[in-house]
Every structure is written in structure tokens, then in C-alpha cells.
Amino acid sequence: MLPPRGEGAAGDRAIQQALETAWPADLRAGDERWLLTAGRALLRADATGVGRGQWPEVFPGSGRGLAPAFSAARFRVQAAIARRDGRPDRAVVHLVWAGTDRGGAHSDGRITDLYFTRTSQEGVPVWVPQPRT
């Protein structure tokens, strides 16, 4: 059972458990950890502007003064899972998050899916974020 909207951080554990129950793990533990870390950082960069330089392939020209949509201080990932996306070389990071926008409106339970493809760079397999469309 999911917590009511507006529950705050107290409801995050229930959301995480609901995601894990609904979508059983299917990635190697190391891949899942990497994807979760990357997915959280990528979402934070997208929503708050913090760390966009780490993702030049996703945020080309991000130094041009694009104002972030959400306050970095009032942003949190409530829950996240990483799972295969149909093929072994594709994954999706499913994130549920909360944030306060520039106008001061706060909302939780926002959902974002970020997609990654596994490729090889210099013989080393790496997960590469796919541009959002």
C-alpha cells in the first residue's frame, strides 16, 4: 500500500518496497548499483541543474544559463529501481521523487524513467544514458 501524497520522507520506504515488489530485480547487483547511482545523479542534474557538466551527452551546452526547474535544497529521490528494458543491453531506472519548483510549489510522487544502453568503450562494458525525447 502506498502512503498518501504529502506524507514526506516518512512514506519513502513504502514507495521503495512497492516498486521492488511490483518489479522484481533482473540485473546483476553491480549493474543495478551503478545504474541507480547514475540515475539519481542524472535526475538531480536535470531537475536542479546541479551536476549537468557530468553528463555532456545528455545536456549539451548546459553552461548557457539554463535556469533549473527545481530547488536543489528541496529535491529528493523517494524511491528508485533499475531493471532491464527488454534486452540485456538496455536498462531503465525508474525514479519516484519530490521537489519544490521555482514558484515554491512542492509535490511528491513525481515519476521519471531514464534509459541506458550498455556499450563497450575500449573493451570495457559501460552503461550510457540515452537522451530524453
Protein backbone atom coordinates (compact mmCIF):
# COMPACT_ATOMS: atom_id res chain seq x y z
CA MET A 1 0.00 0.00 0.00
CA LEU A 2 1.33 3.41 -0.95
CA PRO A 3 1.43 6.29 1.51
CA PRO A 4 -0.85 9.29 0.92
CA ARG A 5 0.56 12.18 -1.09
CA GLY A 6 2.29 14.73 1.06
CA GLU A 7 3.46 12.14 3.59
CA GLY A 8 7.03 13.40 3.16
CA ALA A 9 10.13 11.32 3.75
CA ALA A 10 8.18 9.07 6.12
CA GLY A 11 6.46 7.49 3.12
CA ASP A 12 9.58 6.88 1.03
CA ARG A 13 10.27 3.37 2.41
CA ALA A 14 6.75 2.20 1.49
CA ILE A 15 7.18 3.53 -2.05
CA GLN A 16 10.54 1.75 -2.38
CA GLN A 17 9.04 -1.53 -1.16
CA ALA A 18 6.08 -1.20 -3.54
CA LEU A 19 8.43 -0.71 -6.51
CA GLU A 20 10.58 -3.69 -5.55
CA THR A 21 7.54 -5.92 -5.07
CA ALA A 22 5.90 -4.88 -8.34
CA TRP A 23 9.06 -5.15 -10.45
CA PRO A 24 11.42 -7.97 -9.33
CA ALA A 25 15.17 -7.45 -9.77
CA ASP A 26 16.64 -8.77 -13.02
CA LEU A 27 20.07 -7.10 -13.30
CA ARG A 28 23.40 -8.10 -11.83
CA ALA A 29 23.89 -6.39 -8.46
CA GLY A 30 26.88 -4.34 -9.67
CA ASP A 31 24.98 -3.09 -12.73
CA GLU A 32 21.95 -2.25 -10.63
CA ARG A 33 24.02 -0.25 -8.11
CA TRP A 34 25.80 1.67 -10.88
CA LEU A 35 22.55 2.42 -12.70
CA LEU A 36 20.82 3.60 -9.51
CA THR A 37 23.69 5.94 -8.65
CA ALA A 38 23.82 7.28 -12.20
CA GLY A 39 20.04 7.58 -12.45
CA ARG A 40 19.78 9.58 -9.23
CA ALA A 41 22.63 11.89 -10.31
CA LEU A 42 21.17 12.34 -13.79
CA LEU A 43 17.70 13.16 -12.45
CA ARG A 44 19.19 15.64 -9.94
CA ALA A 45 21.15 17.29 -12.76
CA ASP A 46 18.06 17.50 -14.94
CA ALA A 47 15.72 18.84 -12.26
CA THR A 48 18.06 21.14 -10.30
CA GLY A 49 20.91 21.91 -12.69
CA VAL A 50 23.44 20.53 -10.18
CA GLY A 51 25.97 18.30 -11.96
CA ARG A 52 24.89 18.81 -15.56
CA GLY A 53 28.55 19.09 -16.59
CA GLN A 54 28.98 15.42 -15.63
CA TRP A 55 26.54 14.49 -18.42
CA PRO A 56 27.60 16.45 -21.55
CA GLU A 57 25.99 13.88 -23.87
CA VAL A 58 22.62 14.44 -22.17
CA PHE A 59 22.95 18.18 -21.51
CA PRO A 60 24.92 19.62 -24.44
CA GLY A 61 25.68 23.29 -23.95
CA SER A 62 24.39 23.19 -20.37
CA GLY A 63 26.60 26.11 -19.39
CA ARG A 64 24.39 28.58 -21.23
CA GLY A 65 22.49 29.80 -18.17
CA LEU A 66 19.52 27.45 -18.30
CA ALA A 67 17.66 28.03 -15.05
CA PRO A 68 16.87 24.85 -13.09
CA ALA A 69 13.22 23.97 -12.66
CA PHE A 70 13.57 22.78 -9.05
CA SER A 71 15.42 23.90 -5.95
CA ALA A 72 18.43 21.67 -5.20
CA ALA A 73 17.83 22.12 -1.48
CA ARG A 74 14.23 20.92 -1.76
CA PHE A 75 14.71 17.91 -4.05
CA ARG A 76 14.84 14.25 -3.06
CA VAL A 77 14.51 10.86 -4.66
CA GLN A 78 11.81 9.00 -2.77
CA ALA A 79 12.47 5.59 -4.35
CA ALA A 80 14.35 4.08 -7.28
CA ILE A 81 14.83 0.76 -9.04
CA ALA A 82 16.88 -0.27 -12.08
CA ARG A 83 15.62 -3.05 -14.32
CA ARG A 84 16.20 -4.49 -17.80
CA ASP A 85 14.33 -2.81 -20.59
CA GLY A 86 13.51 -5.71 -22.88
CA ARG A 87 17.09 -6.70 -23.78
CA PRO A 88 20.21 -7.48 -21.73
CA ASP A 89 21.97 -4.38 -23.13
CA ARG A 90 19.17 -1.96 -22.20
CA ALA A 91 18.01 -0.79 -18.77
CA VAL A 92 15.56 1.65 -17.28
CA VAL A 93 15.95 3.46 -13.97
CA HIS A 94 12.51 4.15 -12.55
CA LEU A 95 12.56 7.04 -10.05
CA VAL A 96 9.88 8.49 -7.80
CA TRP A 97 10.83 11.91 -6.49
CA ALA A 98 9.72 15.07 -4.74
CA GLY A 99 10.68 18.68 -5.29
CA THR A 100 9.85 22.33 -4.91
CA ASP A 101 9.75 24.30 -8.14
CA ARG A 102 10.95 27.87 -8.66
CA GLY A 103 7.48 29.17 -7.87
CA GLY A 104 7.53 27.47 -4.45
CA ALA A 105 5.04 24.71 -5.26
CA HIS A 106 6.03 21.37 -3.71
CA SER A 107 4.88 18.00 -4.96
CA ASP A 108 5.87 14.43 -4.32
CA GLY A 109 5.23 11.20 -6.18
CA ARG A 110 6.68 12.53 -9.44
CA ILE A 111 7.79 9.73 -11.75
CA THR A 112 10.71 9.73 -14.18
CA ASP A 113 12.11 6.88 -16.25
CA LEU A 114 15.70 7.19 -17.50
CA TYR A 115 17.02 4.78 -20.12
CA PHE A 116 20.53 3.41 -20.50
CA THR A 117 22.25 1.22 -23.10
CA ARG A 118 25.27 -0.95 -22.40
CA THR A 119 28.10 -0.44 -24.86
CA SER A 120 31.81 -1.12 -24.85
CA GLN A 121 34.42 1.64 -24.56
CA GLU A 122 37.99 0.48 -25.03
CA GLY A 123 36.88 -3.08 -24.33
CA VAL A 124 35.16 -2.17 -21.06
CA PRO A 125 31.36 -2.51 -20.83
CA VAL A 126 29.69 0.74 -19.73
CA TRP A 127 26.13 1.96 -19.34
CA VAL A 128 25.41 5.10 -21.39
CA PRO A 129 22.37 7.32 -20.69
CA GLN A 130 20.06 7.82 -23.62
CA PRO A 131 18.82 11.29 -24.49
CA ARG A 132 15.36 12.11 -23.25
CA THR A 133 12.86 12.68 -26.01
